[in-house]
């Protein structure tokens, strides 16, 4: 059973890491794989304490997702409504992009963030250059959030691997 659990953990971890680049749910997939592994091994290798740490890291990543978009857009002059437009646009773009085999998800998210901030800023400011800057800031923020989630996933992998390796007495 432990081998099956380890295979599930590895598969979820690899899929989760790859998903960071395609969607916002990569660290959640890693967390779910860890929970399944803990359940299948009776919490003897990955404890509830470790799962709580992984949950906290996941939640930090989700918060950072939006913080980076906000910071990116605001740094390049976006108004508060344009920031909201970027976030809503990113969510809508991701949902619309799902139908295009993952690649549409990436493009949909970035295009949604860009268009959401751009259109709202253009309506409010009526300035093409300011609107383009605000939209670009939102996209740059999303790129920053991907980097943050990659770092978080590496921390998650380190914690998981340490728990698994320690169970072998190494």
C-alpha atoms as a PDB file:
ATOM      1  CA  UNK A   1       0.000   0.000   0.000  1.00  0.00           C
ATOM      2  CA  UNK A   2       2.862   2.361   0.831  1.00  0.00           C
ATOM      3  CA  UNK A   3       4.299   2.017  -2.694  1.00  0.00           C
ATOM      4  CA  UNK A   4       0.917   2.876  -4.226  1.00  0.00           C
ATOM      5  CA  UNK A   5       0.639   5.854  -1.889  1.00  0.00           C
ATOM      6  CA  UNK A   6       4.135   7.015  -2.871  1.00  0.00           C
ATOM      7  CA  UNK A   7       3.320   6.711  -6.581  1.00  0.00           C
ATOM      8  CA  UNK A   8       0.144   8.766  -6.031  1.00  0.00           C
ATOM      9  CA  UNK A   9       2.142  11.390  -4.112  1.00  0.00           C
ATOM     10  CA  UNK A  10       4.757  11.629  -6.871  1.00  0.00           C
ATOM     11  CA  UNK A  11       2.138  11.868  -9.633  1.00  0.00           C
ATOM     12  CA  UNK A  12       0.172  14.563  -7.802  1.00  0.00           C
ATOM     13  CA  UNK A  13       3.375  16.465  -7.035  1.00  0.00           C
ATOM     14  CA  UNK A  14       4.543  16.430 -10.660  1.00  0.00           C
ATOM     15  CA  UNK A  15       1.131  17.358 -12.025  1.00  0.00           C
ATOM     16  CA  UNK A  16       0.787  20.063  -9.370  1.00  0.00           C
ATOM     17  CA  UNK A  17       4.163  21.563 -10.215  1.00  0.00           C
ATOM     18  CA  UNK A  18       3.355  21.632 -13.926  1.00  0.00           C
ATOM     19  CA  UNK A  19      -0.085  23.081 -13.190  1.00  0.00           C
ATOM     20  CA  UNK A  20       1.481  26.134 -11.535  1.00  0.00           C
ATOM     21  CA  UNK A  21       2.305  27.383 -15.022  1.00  0.00           C
ATOM     22  CA  UNK A  22      -1.144  26.617 -16.424  1.00  0.00           C
ATOM     23  CA  UNK A  23      -3.493  27.519 -13.597  1.00  0.00           C
ATOM     24  CA  UNK A  24      -3.616  28.748 -10.035  1.00  0.00           C
ATOM     25  CA  UNK A  25      -4.291  25.284  -8.596  1.00  0.00           C
ATOM     26  CA  UNK A  26      -0.825  23.707  -8.761  1.00  0.00           C
ATOM     27  CA  UNK A  27      -0.020  23.993  -5.074  1.00  0.00           C
ATOM     28  CA  UNK A  28      -3.518  22.719  -4.244  1.00  0.00           C
ATOM     29  CA  UNK A  29      -2.858  19.585  -6.310  1.00  0.00           C
ATOM     30  CA  UNK A  30       0.396  19.048  -4.392  1.00  0.00           C
ATOM     31  CA  UNK A  31      -1.497  19.477  -1.113  1.00  0.00           C
ATOM     32  CA  UNK A  32      -4.210  17.018  -2.194  1.00  0.00           C
ATOM     33  CA  UNK A  33      -1.558  14.452  -3.134  1.00  0.00           C
ATOM     34  CA  UNK A  34       0.010  14.885   0.296  1.00  0.00           C
ATOM     35  CA  UNK A  35      -3.346  14.435   2.036  1.00  0.00           C
ATOM     36  CA  UNK A  36      -4.032  11.261   0.041  1.00  0.00           C
ATOM     37  CA  UNK A  37      -0.572   9.951   0.889  1.00  0.00           C
ATOM     38  CA  UNK A  38      -1.096  10.724   4.583  1.00  0.00           C
ATOM     39  CA  UNK A  39      -4.481   8.982   4.566  1.00  0.00           C
ATOM     40  CA  UNK A  40      -3.139   5.917   2.754  1.00  0.00           C
ATOM     41  CA  UNK A  41      -0.213   5.601   5.166  1.00  0.00           C
ATOM     42  CA  UNK A  42      -2.244   6.279   8.308  1.00  0.00           C
ATOM     43  CA  UNK A  43      -0.516   9.632   8.905  1.00  0.00           C
ATOM     44  CA  UNK A  44       2.610   7.692   9.901  1.00  0.00           C
ATOM     45  CA  UNK A  45       4.867   9.451   7.383  1.00  0.00           C
ATOM     46  CA  UNK A  46       3.179  12.767   6.716  1.00  0.00           C
ATOM     47  CA  UNK A  47       1.610  13.867   9.958  1.00  0.00           C
ATOM     48  CA  UNK A  48      -1.294  16.205  10.555  1.00  0.00           C
ATOM     49  CA  UNK A  49       1.234  18.843  11.629  1.00  0.00           C
ATOM     50  CA  UNK A  50       3.040  18.564   8.291  1.00  0.00           C
ATOM     51  CA  UNK A  51      -0.283  18.751   6.448  1.00  0.00           C
ATOM     52  CA  UNK A  52      -1.149  21.941   8.339  1.00  0.00           C
ATOM     53  CA  UNK A  53       2.189  23.443   7.295  1.00  0.00           C
ATOM     54  CA  UNK A  54       1.509  22.456   3.677  1.00  0.00           C
ATOM     55  CA  UNK A  55      -2.009  23.921   3.928  1.00  0.00           C
ATOM     56  CA  UNK A  56      -0.553  27.178   5.231  1.00  0.00           C
ATOM     57  CA  UNK A  57       1.931  27.312   2.359  1.00  0.00           C
ATOM     58  CA  UNK A  58      -0.874  26.649  -0.120  1.00  0.00           C
ATOM     59  CA  UNK A  59      -3.002  29.447   1.362  1.00  0.00           C
ATOM     60  CA  UNK A  60      -0.039  31.838   1.303  1.00  0.00           C
ATOM     61  CA  UNK A  61       0.405  31.055  -2.383  1.00  0.00           C
ATOM     62  CA  UNK A  62      -3.236  31.814  -3.104  1.00  0.00           C
ATOM     63  CA  UNK A  63      -3.048  35.136  -1.283  1.00  0.00           C
ATOM     64  CA  UNK A  64       0.202  36.006  -3.064  1.00  0.00           C
ATOM     65  CA  UNK A  65      -1.473  35.277  -6.396  1.00  0.00           C
ATOM     66  CA  UNK A  66      -3.773  38.256  -5.969  1.00  0.00           C
ATOM     67  CA  UNK A  67      -1.279  40.418  -4.085  1.00  0.00           C
ATOM     68  CA  UNK A  68       1.201  40.201  -6.950  1.00  0.00           C
ATOM     69  CA  UNK A  69      -1.437  41.113  -9.539  1.00  0.00           C
ATOM     70  CA  UNK A  70      -2.511  44.066  -7.401  1.00  0.00           C
ATOM     71  CA  UNK A  71       1.051  45.239  -6.808  1.00  0.00           C
ATOM     72  CA  UNK A  72       1.999  44.805 -10.462  1.00  0.00           C
ATOM     73  CA  UNK A  73      -0.981  46.759 -11.710  1.00  0.00           C
ATOM     74  CA  UNK A  74      -0.686  49.493  -9.063  1.00  0.00           C
ATOM     75  CA  UNK A  75       3.059  49.947  -9.694  1.00  0.00           C
ATOM     76  CA  UNK A  76       2.301  50.813 -13.283  1.00  0.00           C
ATOM     77  CA  UNK A  77      -0.473  53.226 -12.371  1.00  0.00           C
ATOM     78  CA  UNK A  78      -3.667  51.183 -12.369  1.00  0.00           C
ATOM     79  CA  UNK A  79      -6.679  52.527 -10.520  1.00  0.00           C
ATOM     80  CA  UNK A  80      -8.456  50.354  -7.953  1.00  0.00           C
ATOM     81  CA  UNK A  81     -11.271  49.530 -10.399  1.00  0.00           C
ATOM     82  CA  UNK A  82      -8.667  48.473 -12.993  1.00  0.00           C
ATOM     83  CA  UNK A  83      -7.074  46.138 -10.440  1.00  0.00           C
ATOM     84  CA  UNK A  84     -10.474  44.565  -9.818  1.00  0.00           C
ATOM     85  CA  UNK A  85     -10.910  44.345 -13.596  1.00  0.00           C
ATOM     86  CA  UNK A  86      -7.571  42.516 -13.875  1.00  0.00           C
ATOM     87  CA  UNK A  87      -8.514  39.976 -11.211  1.00  0.00           C
ATOM     88  CA  UNK A  88     -11.994  39.352 -12.606  1.00  0.00           C
ATOM     89  CA  UNK A  89     -10.591  39.295 -16.140  1.00  0.00           C
ATOM     90  CA  UNK A  90      -8.004  36.708 -15.132  1.00  0.00           C
ATOM     91  CA  UNK A  91     -10.639  34.440 -13.618  1.00  0.00           C
ATOM     92  CA  UNK A  92     -12.979  34.797 -16.596  1.00  0.00           C
ATOM     93  CA  UNK A  93     -10.095  34.351 -19.040  1.00  0.00           C
ATOM     94  CA  UNK A  94      -8.972  31.190 -17.264  1.00  0.00           C
ATOM     95  CA  UNK A  95     -12.490  29.748 -17.333  1.00  0.00           C
ATOM     96  CA  UNK A  96     -12.922  30.560 -21.021  1.00  0.00           C
ATOM     97  CA  UNK A  97      -9.462  29.264 -21.858  1.00  0.00           C
ATOM     98  CA  UNK A  98     -10.009  25.827 -20.310  1.00  0.00           C
ATOM     99  CA  UNK A  99     -11.538  24.528 -23.535  1.00  0.00           C
ATOM    100  CA  UNK A 100      -8.272  24.897 -25.418  1.00  0.00           C
ATOM    101  CA  UNK A 101      -6.299  21.995 -23.865  1.00  0.00           C
ATOM    102  CA  UNK A 102      -4.407  23.883 -21.171  1.00  0.00           C
ATOM    103  CA  UNK A 103      -2.633  26.304 -23.487  1.00  0.00           C
ATOM    104  CA  UNK A 104      -5.867  28.256 -23.701  1.00  0.00           C
ATOM    105  CA  UNK A 105      -5.906  28.398 -19.933  1.00  0.00           C
ATOM    106  CA  UNK A 106      -2.535  30.161 -19.835  1.00  0.00           C
ATOM    107  CA  UNK A 107      -3.381  32.518 -22.657  1.00  0.00           C
ATOM    108  CA  UNK A 108      -6.888  33.036 -21.300  1.00  0.00           C
ATOM    109  CA  UNK A 109      -5.576  33.985 -17.873  1.00  0.00           C
ATOM    110  CA  UNK A 110      -2.983  36.431 -19.166  1.00  0.00           C
ATOM    111  CA  UNK A 111      -5.307  37.867 -21.795  1.00  0.00           C
ATOM    112  CA  UNK A 112      -8.105  38.161 -19.219  1.00  0.00           C
ATOM    113  CA  UNK A 113      -5.865  40.011 -16.762  1.00  0.00           C
ATOM    114  CA  UNK A 114      -4.637  42.300 -19.516  1.00  0.00           C
ATOM    115  CA  UNK A 115      -8.054  43.032 -21.004  1.00  0.00           C
ATOM    116  CA  UNK A 116      -9.754  43.361 -17.617  1.00  0.00           C
ATOM    117  CA  UNK A 117      -7.322  46.032 -16.431  1.00  0.00           C
ATOM    118  CA  UNK A 118      -7.030  47.670 -19.853  1.00  0.00           C
ATOM    119  CA  UNK A 119     -10.739  48.045 -20.560  1.00  0.00           C
ATOM    120  CA  UNK A 120     -11.651  49.274 -17.077  1.00  0.00           C
ATOM    121  CA  UNK A 121      -8.762  51.764 -17.061  1.00  0.00           C
ATOM    122  CA  UNK A 122      -9.619  52.936 -20.573  1.00  0.00           C
ATOM    123  CA  UNK A 123     -13.240  53.530 -19.598  1.00  0.00           C
ATOM    124  CA  UNK A 124     -12.228  55.432 -16.445  1.00  0.00           C
ATOM    125  CA  UNK A 125      -9.109  57.307 -17.550  1.00  0.00           C
ATOM    126  CA  UNK A 126      -9.822  57.510 -21.287  1.00  0.00           C
ATOM    127  CA  UNK A 127      -6.040  57.315 -21.796  1.00  0.00           C
ATOM    128  CA  UNK A 128      -4.636  54.551 -24.003  1.00  0.00           C
ATOM    129  CA  UNK A 129      -1.079  54.706 -22.609  1.00  0.00           C
ATOM    130  CA  UNK A 130      -2.194  54.606 -18.952  1.00  0.00           C
ATOM    131  CA  UNK A 131      -4.524  51.733 -19.790  1.00  0.00           C
ATOM    132  CA  UNK A 132      -1.745  49.766 -21.497  1.00  0.00           C
ATOM    133  CA  UNK A 133       0.579  50.346 -18.533  1.00  0.00           C
ATOM    134  CA  UNK A 134      -2.049  49.234 -16.027  1.00  0.00           C
ATOM    135  CA  UNK A 135      -2.760  46.092 -18.049  1.00  0.00           C
ATOM    136  CA  UNK A 136       0.938  45.296 -18.437  1.00  0.00           C
ATOM    137  CA  UNK A 137       1.405  45.690 -14.682  1.00  0.00           C
ATOM    138  CA  UNK A 138      -1.316  43.146 -14.012  1.00  0.00           C
ATOM    139  CA  UNK A 139       0.319  40.636 -16.357  1.00  0.00           C
ATOM    140  CA  UNK A 140       3.745  41.227 -14.785  1.00  0.00           C
ATOM    141  CA  UNK A 141       2.142  40.655 -11.386  1.00  0.00           C
ATOM    142  CA  UNK A 142       0.799  37.311 -12.580  1.00  0.00           C
ATOM    143  CA  UNK A 143       4.295  36.347 -13.714  1.00  0.00           C
ATOM    144  CA  UNK A 144       5.537  37.278 -10.242  1.00  0.00           C
ATOM    145  CA  UNK A 145       2.892  35.091  -8.663  1.00  0.00           C
ATOM    146  CA  UNK A 146       4.043  32.139 -10.774  1.00  0.00           C
ATOM    147  CA  UNK A 147       7.589  32.616  -9.471  1.00  0.00           C
ATOM    148  CA  UNK A 148       6.262  32.815  -5.890  1.00  0.00           C
ATOM    149  CA  UNK A 149       4.252  29.624  -6.342  1.00  0.00           C
ATOM    150  CA  UNK A 150       7.252  27.803  -7.804  1.00  0.00           C
ATOM    151  CA  UNK A 151       9.230  28.762  -4.693  1.00  0.00           C
ATOM    152  CA  UNK A 152       6.355  27.666  -2.446  1.00  0.00           C
ATOM    153  CA  UNK A 153       6.070  24.345  -4.282  1.00  0.00           C
ATOM    154  CA  UNK A 154       9.813  23.741  -3.840  1.00  0.00           C
ATOM    155  CA  UNK A 155       9.395  24.366  -0.102  1.00  0.00           C
ATOM    156  CA  UNK A 156       6.425  21.968  -0.100  1.00  0.00           C
ATOM    157  CA  UNK A 157       8.484  19.322  -1.954  1.00  0.00           C
ATOM    158  CA  UNK A 158      11.311  19.733   0.553  1.00  0.00           C
ATOM    159  CA  UNK A 159       8.960  19.230   3.498  1.00  0.00           C
ATOM    160  CA  UNK A 160       7.290  16.217   1.855  1.00  0.00           C
ATOM    161  CA  UNK A 161      10.589  14.642   0.819  1.00  0.00           C
ATOM    162  CA  UNK A 162      12.052  15.146   4.293  1.00  0.00           C
ATOM    163  CA  UNK A 163       9.056  13.374   5.838  1.00  0.00           C
ATOM    164  CA  UNK A 164       9.275  10.481   3.382  1.00  0.00           C
ATOM    165  CA  UNK A 165      13.065  10.114   3.664  1.00  0.00           C
ATOM    166  CA  UNK A 166      12.905  10.260   7.463  1.00  0.00           C
ATOM    167  CA  UNK A 167      10.377   7.404   7.421  1.00  0.00           C
ATOM    168  CA  UNK A 168      13.018   5.191   5.816  1.00  0.00           C
ATOM    169  CA  UNK A 169      15.394   5.949   8.686  1.00  0.00           C
ATOM    170  CA  UNK A 170      17.906   7.755   6.475  1.00  0.00           C
END
